[in-house]
Amino acid sequence: MSLLRHNSSLSKQKNEMVSMYQQLNAKAMFFHTSLSVDKEKYQEQRAAGIDQRCAGDSQEVVRLVVQAMQFYERKLRDFYTHLSKTVVCRQRVMELLPKSKVRSPVSGSPDDESLLEENRTYESRLQSLLRDTIQESDSSMEADAEGVDVGERRAGFLQ
């Protein structure tokens, strides 16, 4: 029984190695074909004198890189603005959460009326926080539309 398992294992490894060999061989053939095509294209360009780069080409590349960096910086600034707003909202919600009261077994269960009043207070605080957040968001959107950079106004928050 042991020999059968060993033989089966060896057959499986042989098949895997043959498969890997075929994959590597295909990659090598593709590489050689690609290399010869590139070599032919290079020789054609060299014969035609196209392989000399113009100053305008490099200026275009620099312009595109600068453009990409500006886009990245804008997105990063927007991300930090959003993150700071999220942190502020989280802090406000954490402040609003009722502090858990520990009651001793001697004092008995809390009375229903005090729990209801506590829940009403908590609900009104959350509603107030929601209104404030919506107003801030609306004013932030208006400021963005006017060209005011909200990220710079709130940059001090993260520091």
N, C-alpha and C. Protein backbone atom coordinates (compact mmCIF):
# COMPACT_ATOMS: atom_id res chain seq x y z
N MET A 1 0.83 -1.19 0.00
CA MET A 1 0.00 0.00 0.00
C MET A 1 0.87 1.25 0.00
N SER A 2 1.94 1.21 0.76
CA SER A 2 2.85 2.32 0.86
C SER A 2 3.50 2.61 -0.50
N LEU A 3 3.86 1.55 -1.24
CA LEU A 3 4.47 1.73 -2.55
C LEU A 3 3.50 2.38 -3.54
N LEU A 4 2.23 2.02 -3.43
CA LEU A 4 1.23 2.61 -4.32
C LEU A 4 1.09 4.11 -4.06
N ARG A 5 1.06 4.49 -2.78
CA ARG A 5 0.97 5.91 -2.45
C ARG A 5 2.21 6.66 -2.93
N HIS A 6 3.37 6.05 -2.73
CA HIS A 6 4.63 6.67 -3.15
C HIS A 6 4.66 6.81 -4.67
N ASN A 7 4.23 5.79 -5.39
CA ASN A 7 4.18 5.82 -6.84
C ASN A 7 3.20 6.90 -7.31
N SER A 8 2.06 6.99 -6.64
CA SER A 8 1.06 8.00 -6.99
C SER A 8 1.62 9.40 -6.75
N SER A 9 2.32 9.58 -5.65
CA SER A 9 2.92 10.87 -5.33
C SER A 9 3.97 11.25 -6.37
N LEU A 10 4.79 10.27 -6.77
CA LEU A 10 5.82 10.54 -7.78
C LEU A 10 5.18 10.88 -9.13
N SER A 11 4.12 10.20 -9.48
CA SER A 11 3.43 10.49 -10.74
C SER A 11 2.85 11.90 -10.73
N LYS A 12 2.29 12.27 -9.60
CA LYS A 12 1.73 13.61 -9.47
C LYS A 12 2.83 14.67 -9.60
N GLN A 13 3.97 14.44 -8.94
CA GLN A 13 5.09 15.38 -9.02
C GLN A 13 5.63 15.46 -10.44
N LYS A 14 5.70 14.31 -11.13
CA LYS A 14 6.17 14.29 -12.52
C LYS A 14 5.25 15.13 -13.40
N ASN A 15 3.94 14.95 -13.23
CA ASN A 15 2.98 15.73 -14.01
C ASN A 15 3.10 17.23 -13.74
N GLU A 16 3.29 17.58 -12.48
CA GLU A 16 3.47 18.99 -12.12
C GLU A 16 4.74 19.55 -12.75
N MET A 17 5.82 18.77 -12.75
CA MET A 17 7.08 19.23 -13.32
C MET A 17 6.95 19.38 -14.84
N VAL A 18 6.26 18.46 -15.50
CA VAL A 18 6.06 18.56 -16.94
C VAL A 18 5.24 19.81 -17.26
N SER A 19 4.23 20.06 -16.45
CA SER A 19 3.40 21.25 -16.65
C SER A 19 4.23 22.52 -16.46
N MET A 20 5.05 22.57 -15.40
CA MET A 20 5.90 23.73 -15.17
C MET A 20 6.89 23.92 -16.32
N TYR A 21 7.45 22.82 -16.81
CA TYR A 21 8.40 22.89 -17.92
C TYR A 21 7.71 23.50 -19.15
N GLN A 22 6.48 23.06 -19.42
CA GLN A 22 5.76 23.57 -20.58
C GLN A 22 5.45 25.06 -20.42
N GLN A 23 5.09 25.47 -19.20
CA GLN A 23 4.82 26.89 -18.95
C GLN A 23 6.09 27.72 -19.13
N LEU A 24 7.18 27.25 -18.56
CA LEU A 24 8.45 27.98 -18.67
C LEU A 24 8.92 28.03 -20.12
N ASN A 25 8.76 26.94 -20.83
CA ASN A 25 9.14 26.90 -22.23
C ASN A 25 8.30 27.89 -23.05
N ALA A 26 7.01 27.96 -22.77
CA ALA A 26 6.14 28.91 -23.48
C ALA A 26 6.55 30.34 -23.16
N LYS A 27 6.89 30.63 -21.90
CA LYS A 27 7.33 31.97 -21.52
C LYS A 27 8.64 32.33 -22.22
N ALA A 28 9.55 31.36 -22.31
CA ALA A 28 10.83 31.62 -22.96
C ALA A 28 10.62 31.89 -24.45
N MET A 29 9.73 31.12 -25.08
CA MET A 29 9.45 31.35 -26.49
C MET A 29 8.83 32.72 -26.71
N PHE A 30 7.91 33.10 -25.83
CA PHE A 30 7.29 34.42 -25.93
C PHE A 30 8.33 35.52 -25.76
N PHE A 31 9.22 35.34 -24.78
CA PHE A 31 10.27 36.32 -24.53
C PHE A 31 11.17 36.48 -25.76
N HIS A 32 11.59 35.37 -26.35
CA HIS A 32 12.46 35.44 -27.52
C HIS A 32 11.74 36.10 -28.70
N THR A 33 10.47 35.76 -28.91
CA THR A 33 9.70 36.37 -29.98
C THR A 33 9.56 37.87 -29.75
N SER A 34 9.22 38.24 -28.52
CA SER A 34 9.07 39.64 -28.18
C SER A 34 10.38 40.40 -28.35
N LEU A 35 11.46 39.77 -27.94
CA LEU A 35 12.78 40.39 -28.06
C LEU A 35 13.14 40.61 -29.53
N SER A 36 12.87 39.64 -30.36
CA SER A 36 13.22 39.79 -31.78
C SER A 36 12.34 40.86 -32.44
N VAL A 37 11.07 40.94 -32.07
CA VAL A 37 10.19 41.99 -32.61
C VAL A 37 10.70 43.36 -32.17
N ASP A 38 11.04 43.49 -30.88
CA ASP A 38 11.57 44.76 -30.39
C ASP A 38 12.86 45.14 -31.10
N LYS A 39 13.70 44.14 -31.33
CA LYS A 39 14.98 44.40 -32.01
C LYS A 39 14.74 44.90 -33.43
N GLU A 40 13.79 44.26 -34.13
CA GLU A 40 13.46 44.69 -35.50
C GLU A 40 12.91 46.12 -35.50
N LYS A 41 12.01 46.42 -34.58
CA LYS A 41 11.43 47.77 -34.50
C LYS A 41 12.52 48.80 -34.21
N TYR A 42 13.43 48.46 -33.31
CA TYR A 42 14.52 49.38 -32.97
C TYR A 42 15.38 49.65 -34.20
N GLN A 43 15.69 48.59 -34.94
CA GLN A 43 16.51 48.77 -36.13
C GLN A 43 15.79 49.62 -37.18
N GLU A 44 14.49 49.42 -37.34
CA GLU A 44 13.70 50.23 -38.26
C GLU A 44 13.72 51.70 -37.84
N GLN A 45 13.52 51.95 -36.56
CA GLN A 45 13.53 53.34 -36.06
C GLN A 45 14.90 53.98 -36.22
N ARG A 46 15.91 53.19 -35.96
CA ARG A 46 17.27 53.71 -36.07
C ARG A 46 17.61 54.05 -37.52
N ALA A 47 17.17 53.19 -38.43
CA ALA A 47 17.42 53.43 -39.85
C ALA A 47 16.67 54.69 -40.32
N ALA A 48 15.48 54.91 -39.76
CA ALA A 48 14.69 56.07 -40.16
C ALA A 48 15.09 57.33 -39.37
N GLY A 49 15.91 57.19 -38.36
CA GLY A 49 16.34 58.34 -37.56
C GLY A 49 15.29 58.80 -36.57
N ILE A 50 14.38 57.93 -36.20
CA ILE A 50 13.30 58.30 -35.28
C ILE A 50 13.73 58.12 -33.83
N ASP A 51 14.86 57.47 -33.58
CA ASP A 51 15.21 57.18 -32.19
C ASP A 51 15.74 58.38 -31.43
N GLN A 52 15.85 59.51 -32.06
CA GLN A 52 16.29 60.71 -31.35
C GLN A 52 15.07 61.36 -30.72
N ARG A 53 15.15 61.62 -29.44
CA ARG A 53 14.01 62.22 -28.74
C ARG A 53 14.05 63.73 -28.85
N CYS A 54 12.90 64.30 -29.02
CA CYS A 54 12.80 65.75 -29.10
C CYS A 54 12.66 66.32 -27.69
N ALA A 55 13.04 67.57 -27.52
CA ALA A 55 12.89 68.23 -26.22
C ALA A 55 11.41 68.32 -25.86
N GLY A 56 10.56 68.46 -26.84
CA GLY A 56 9.12 68.54 -26.60
C GLY A 56 8.56 67.27 -25.99
N ASP A 57 9.13 66.12 -26.33
CA ASP A 57 8.66 64.85 -25.77
C ASP A 57 8.87 64.82 -24.27
N SER A 58 10.06 65.20 -23.83
CA SER A 58 10.34 65.15 -22.39
C SER A 58 9.53 66.21 -21.65
N GLN A 59 9.28 67.34 -22.28
CA GLN A 59 8.45 68.36 -21.64
C GLN A 59 7.03 67.85 -21.45
N GLU A 60 6.54 67.11 -22.40
CA GLU A 60 5.19 66.53 -22.30
C GLU A 60 5.13 65.53 -21.15
N VAL A 61 6.16 64.71 -21.03
CA VAL A 61 6.21 63.73 -19.94
C VAL A 61 6.23 64.44 -18.59
N VAL A 62 7.05 65.50 -18.47
CA VAL A 62 7.13 66.26 -17.22
C VAL A 62 5.78 66.89 -16.92
N ARG A 63 5.11 67.44 -17.94
CA ARG A 63 3.80 68.04 -17.73
C ARG A 63 2.79 67.01 -17.20
N LEU A 64 2.82 65.82 -17.78
CA LEU A 64 1.90 64.76 -17.34
C LEU A 64 2.19 64.31 -15.91
N VAL A 65 3.47 64.23 -15.57
CA VAL A 65 3.85 63.83 -14.20
C VAL A 65 3.39 64.89 -13.21
N VAL A 66 3.61 66.15 -13.52
CA VAL A 66 3.17 67.24 -12.63
C VAL A 66 1.66 67.22 -12.48
N GLN A 67 0.96 67.01 -13.57
CA GLN A 67 -0.49 66.93 -13.53
C GLN A 67 -0.97 65.78 -12.64
N ALA A 68 -0.31 64.64 -12.75
CA ALA A 68 -0.67 63.48 -11.93
C ALA A 68 -0.41 63.77 -10.45
N MET A 69 0.70 64.43 -10.14
CA MET A 69 1.02 64.75 -8.75
C MET A 69 0.01 65.74 -8.17
N GLN A 70 -0.41 66.71 -8.95
CA GLN A 70 -1.42 67.66 -8.48
C GLN A 70 -2.74 66.97 -8.19
N PHE A 71 -3.12 66.06 -9.07
CA PHE A 71 -4.34 65.29 -8.87
C PHE A 71 -4.24 64.46 -7.58
N TYR A 72 -3.10 63.81 -7.39
CA TYR A 72 -2.87 63.00 -6.20
C TYR A 72 -2.96 63.86 -4.94
N GLU A 73 -2.33 65.04 -4.96
CA GLU A 73 -2.37 65.93 -3.79
C GLU A 73 -3.78 66.39 -3.49
N ARG A 74 -4.57 66.69 -4.53
CA ARG A 74 -5.97 67.08 -4.31
C ARG A 74 -6.75 65.95 -3.66
N LYS A 75 -6.57 64.75 -4.19
CA LYS A 75 -7.30 63.60 -3.63
C LYS A 75 -6.86 63.33 -2.19
N LEU A 76 -5.59 63.47 -1.91
CA LEU A 76 -5.08 63.26 -0.55
C LEU A 76 -5.66 64.31 0.39
N ARG A 77 -5.70 65.56 -0.05
CA ARG A 77 -6.27 66.63 0.77
C ARG A 77 -7.75 66.36 1.03
N ASP A 78 -8.48 65.93 0.00
CA ASP A 78 -9.89 65.58 0.19
C ASP A 78 -10.06 64.43 1.18
N PHE A 79 -9.17 63.45 1.08
CA PHE A 79 -9.22 62.31 1.99
C PHE A 79 -9.01 62.76 3.43
N TYR A 80 -8.01 63.61 3.67
CA TYR A 80 -7.75 64.09 5.03
C TYR A 80 -8.89 64.96 5.55
N THR A 81 -9.50 65.73 4.67
CA THR A 81 -10.65 66.52 5.08
C THR A 81 -11.78 65.61 5.52
N HIS A 82 -12.06 64.60 4.72
CA HIS A 82 -13.11 63.64 5.06
C HIS A 82 -12.78 62.91 6.36
N LEU A 83 -11.53 62.52 6.49
CA LEU A 83 -11.10 61.81 7.70
C LEU A 83 -11.26 62.68 8.93
N SER A 84 -10.89 63.96 8.83
CA SER A 84 -11.01 64.84 10.00
C SER A 84 -12.48 65.03 10.37
N LYS A 85 -13.36 65.14 9.36
CA LYS A 85 -14.79 65.26 9.66
C LYS A 85 -15.31 64.01 10.35
N THR A 86 -14.83 62.87 9.88
CA THR A 86 -15.25 61.60 10.48
C THR A 86 -14.80 61.52 11.94
N VAL A 87 -13.58 61.95 12.20
CA VAL A 87 -13.06 61.92 13.57
C VAL A 87 -13.86 62.85 14.46
N VAL A 88 -14.19 64.05 13.96
CA VAL A 88 -14.97 65.00 14.75
C VAL A 88 -16.34 64.40 15.07
N CYS A 89 -16.99 63.81 14.07
CA CYS A 89 -18.30 63.20 14.29
C CYS A 89 -18.22 62.06 15.30
N ARG A 90 -17.18 61.27 15.18
CA ARG A 90 -17.02 60.14 16.11
C ARG A 90 -16.83 60.66 17.54
N GLN A 91 -16.03 61.71 17.69
CA GLN A 91 -15.82 62.28 19.02
C GLN A 91 -17.12 62.81 19.59
N ARG A 92 -17.91 63.48 18.74
CA ARG A 92 -19.19 64.02 19.21
C ARG A 92 -20.14 62.90 19.65
N VAL A 93 -20.19 61.85 18.87
CA VAL A 93 -21.06 60.72 19.23
C VAL A 93 -20.58 60.08 20.53
N MET A 94 -19.27 59.93 20.67
CA MET A 94 -18.73 59.33 21.89
C MET A 94 -19.07 60.19 23.11
N GLU A 95 -19.05 61.52 22.94
CA GLU A 95 -19.41 62.41 24.04
C GLU A 95 -20.88 62.27 24.40
N LEU A 96 -21.70 61.97 23.40
CA LEU A 96 -23.14 61.88 23.63
C LEU A 96 -23.58 60.55 24.23
N LEU A 97 -22.76 59.53 24.03
CA LEU A 97 -23.16 58.23 24.55
C LEU A 97 -23.35 58.32 26.06
N PRO A 98 -24.43 57.76 26.54
CA PRO A 98 -24.65 57.83 27.99
C PRO A 98 -23.60 57.01 28.72
N LYS A 99 -23.17 57.56 29.81
CA LYS A 99 -22.21 56.84 30.63
C LYS A 99 -22.96 55.68 31.29
N SER A 100 -22.37 54.50 31.26
CA SER A 100 -23.05 53.35 31.84
C SER A 100 -23.03 53.48 33.36
N LYS A 101 -24.18 53.33 33.92
CA LYS A 101 -24.31 53.47 35.38
C LYS A 101 -24.32 52.08 36.00
N VAL A 102 -23.49 51.90 36.97
CA VAL A 102 -23.43 50.61 37.67
C VAL A 102 -24.35 50.71 38.88
N ARG A 103 -25.28 49.81 38.95
CA ARG A 103 -26.23 49.82 40.07
C ARG A 103 -25.93 48.62 40.94
N SER A 104 -25.96 48.87 42.19
CA SER A 104 -25.69 47.78 43.12
C SER A 104 -26.96 46.96 43.30
N PRO A 105 -26.81 45.70 43.67
CA PRO A 105 -28.00 44.86 43.86
C PRO A 105 -28.90 45.39 44.97
N VAL A 106 -28.32 46.16 45.89
CA VAL A 106 -29.10 46.69 47.01
C VAL A 106 -30.08 47.75 46.52
N SER A 107 -29.62 48.59 45.57
CA SER A 107 -30.47 49.69 45.12
C SER A 107 -31.61 49.20 44.23
N GLY A 108 -31.48 47.99 43.71
CA GLY A 108 -32.56 47.45 42.89
C GLY A 108 -32.46 47.90 41.45
N SER A 109 -33.50 47.62 40.67
CA SER A 109 -33.49 47.96 39.25
C SER A 109 -33.78 49.45 39.07
N PRO A 110 -33.27 50.00 37.98
CA PRO A 110 -33.53 51.42 37.74
C PRO A 110 -35.01 51.64 37.44
N ASP A 111 -35.50 52.79 37.82
CA ASP A 111 -36.92 53.00 37.56
C ASP A 111 -37.12 53.38 36.09
N ASP A 112 -38.24 52.91 35.56
CA ASP A 112 -38.51 53.04 34.12
C ASP A 112 -38.55 54.49 33.67
N GLU A 113 -39.08 55.36 34.52
CA GLU A 113 -39.20 56.77 34.14
C GLU A 113 -37.83 57.43 33.95
N SER A 114 -36.87 57.09 34.79
CA SER A 114 -35.53 57.69 34.65
C SER A 114 -34.84 57.15 33.39
N LEU A 115 -35.06 55.89 33.06
CA LEU A 115 -34.50 55.34 31.83
C LEU A 115 -35.11 56.00 30.60
N LEU A 116 -36.42 56.22 30.64
CA LEU A 116 -37.07 56.88 29.52
C LEU A 116 -36.55 58.30 29.34
N GLU A 117 -36.40 59.01 30.45
CA GLU A 117 -35.89 60.38 30.38
C GLU A 117 -34.46 60.40 29.85
N GLU A 118 -33.64 59.45 30.28
CA GLU A 118 -32.26 59.34 29.81
C GLU A 118 -32.24 59.07 28.30
N ASN A 119 -33.11 58.19 27.83
CA ASN A 119 -33.19 57.89 26.41
C ASN A 119 -33.67 59.08 25.60
N ARG A 120 -34.63 59.83 26.13
CA ARG A 120 -35.11 61.04 25.43
C ARG A 120 -33.98 62.06 25.30
N THR A 121 -33.24 62.25 26.38
CA THR A 121 -32.12 63.20 26.35
C THR A 121 -31.09 62.76 25.32
N TYR A 122 -30.77 61.49 25.32
CA TYR A 122 -29.79 60.96 24.37
C TYR A 122 -30.29 61.13 22.93
N GLU A 123 -31.57 60.85 22.70
CA GLU A 123 -32.13 61.00 21.36
C GLU A 123 -32.08 62.45 20.90
N SER A 124 -32.44 63.39 21.78
CA SER A 124 -32.40 64.80 21.37
C SER A 124 -30.97 65.25 21.10
N ARG A 125 -30.00 64.76 21.86
CA ARG A 125 -28.60 65.10 21.60
C ARG A 125 -28.15 64.57 20.24
N LEU A 126 -28.54 63.33 19.92
CA LEU A 126 -28.18 62.77 18.62
C LEU A 126 -28.83 63.54 17.48
N GLN A 127 -30.09 63.93 17.66
CA GLN A 127 -30.76 64.72 16.62
C GLN A 127 -30.07 66.06 16.43
N SER A 128 -29.67 66.67 17.52
CA SER A 128 -28.96 67.94 17.45
C SER A 128 -27.62 67.77 16.74
N LEU A 129 -26.91 66.71 17.07
CA LEU A 129 -25.63 66.43 16.42
C LEU A 129 -25.83 66.21 14.92
N LEU A 130 -26.88 65.50 14.57
CA LEU A 130 -27.16 65.24 13.16
C LEU A 130 -27.46 66.55 12.41
N ARG A 131 -28.27 67.43 13.03
CA ARG A 131 -28.55 68.73 12.41
C ARG A 131 -27.27 69.54 12.23
N ASP A 132 -26.44 69.58 13.27
CA ASP A 132 -25.18 70.33 13.19
C ASP A 132 -24.28 69.78 12.09
N THR A 133 -24.20 68.48 12.00
CA THR A 133 -23.34 67.85 10.99
C THR A 133 -23.85 68.16 9.58
N ILE A 134 -25.16 68.10 9.39
CA ILE A 134 -25.74 68.39 8.08
C ILE A 134 -25.49 69.85 7.72
N GLN A 135 -25.65 70.75 8.68
CA GLN A 135 -25.40 72.17 8.42
C GLN A 135 -23.94 72.40 8.06
N GLU A 136 -23.01 71.76 8.80
CA GLU A 136 -21.59 71.90 8.50
C GLU A 136 -21.28 71.36 7.11
N SER A 137 -21.88 70.24 6.78
CA SER A 137 -21.65 69.64 5.46
C SER A 137 -22.17 70.56 4.36
N ASP A 138 -23.36 71.12 4.56
CA ASP A 138 -23.92 72.04 3.56
C ASP A 138 -23.05 73.28 3.41
N SER A 139 -22.61 73.85 4.52
CA SER A 139 -21.77 75.05 4.43
C SER A 139 -20.42 74.71 3.82
N SER A 140 -19.93 73.51 4.09
CA SER A 140 -18.66 73.08 3.50
C SER A 140 -18.79 72.95 2.00
N MET A 141 -19.92 72.40 1.54
CA MET A 141 -20.14 72.24 0.10
C MET A 141 -20.27 73.61 -0.57
N GLU A 142 -20.95 74.54 0.10
CA GLU A 142 -21.08 75.89 -0.46
C GLU A 142 -19.72 76.56 -0.55
N ALA A 143 -18.91 76.38 0.49
CA ALA A 143 -17.57 76.97 0.49
C ALA A 143 -16.72 76.37 -0.61
N ASP A 144 -16.84 75.08 -0.83
CA ASP A 144 -16.10 74.42 -1.92
C ASP A 144 -16.53 74.98 -3.26
N ALA A 145 -17.82 75.22 -3.40
CA ALA A 145 -18.34 75.74 -4.66
C ALA A 145 -17.83 77.16 -4.91
N GLU A 146 -17.56 77.89 -3.84
CA GLU A 146 -17.05 79.25 -3.97
C GLU A 146 -15.54 79.28 -4.14
N GLY A 147 -14.91 78.14 -4.09
CA GLY A 147 -13.46 78.08 -4.29
C GLY A 147 -12.66 78.14 -3.01
N VAL A 148 -13.30 78.08 -1.88
CA VAL A 148 -12.59 78.10 -0.61
C VAL A 148 -12.13 76.69 -0.31
N ASP A 149 -10.88 76.54 0.05
CA ASP A 149 -10.32 75.21 0.30
C ASP A 149 -10.62 74.78 1.73
N VAL A 150 -11.58 73.86 1.87
CA VAL A 150 -11.98 73.37 3.17
C VAL A 150 -10.85 72.60 3.83
N GLY A 151 -10.07 71.89 3.05
CA GLY A 151 -8.97 71.09 3.61
C GLY A 151 -7.97 71.96 4.34
N GLU A 152 -7.70 73.14 3.85
CA GLU A 152 -6.75 74.02 4.51
C GLU A 152 -7.35 74.60 5.78
N ARG A 153 -8.68 74.85 5.77
CA ARG A 153 -9.31 75.39 6.98
C ARG A 153 -9.25 74.38 8.11
N ARG A 154 -9.33 73.12 7.77
CA ARG A 154 -9.37 72.09 8.80
C ARG A 154 -8.03 71.39 8.98
N ALA A 155 -7.01 71.86 8.32
CA ALA A 155 -5.70 71.19 8.40
C ALA A 155 -5.17 71.20 9.83
N GLY A 156 -5.50 72.23 10.58
CA GLY A 156 -5.05 72.32 11.97
C GLY A 156 -5.61 71.23 12.85
N PHE A 157 -6.76 70.65 12.45
CA PHE A 157 -7.39 69.62 13.28
C PHE A 157 -6.53 68.38 13.41
N LEU A 158 -5.90 67.97 12.31
CA LEU A 158 -5.12 66.73 12.34
C LEU A 158 -3.78 66.90 13.01
N GLN A 159 -3.34 68.14 13.18
CA GLN A 159 -2.02 68.36 13.76
C GLN A 159 -2.04 68.37 15.26
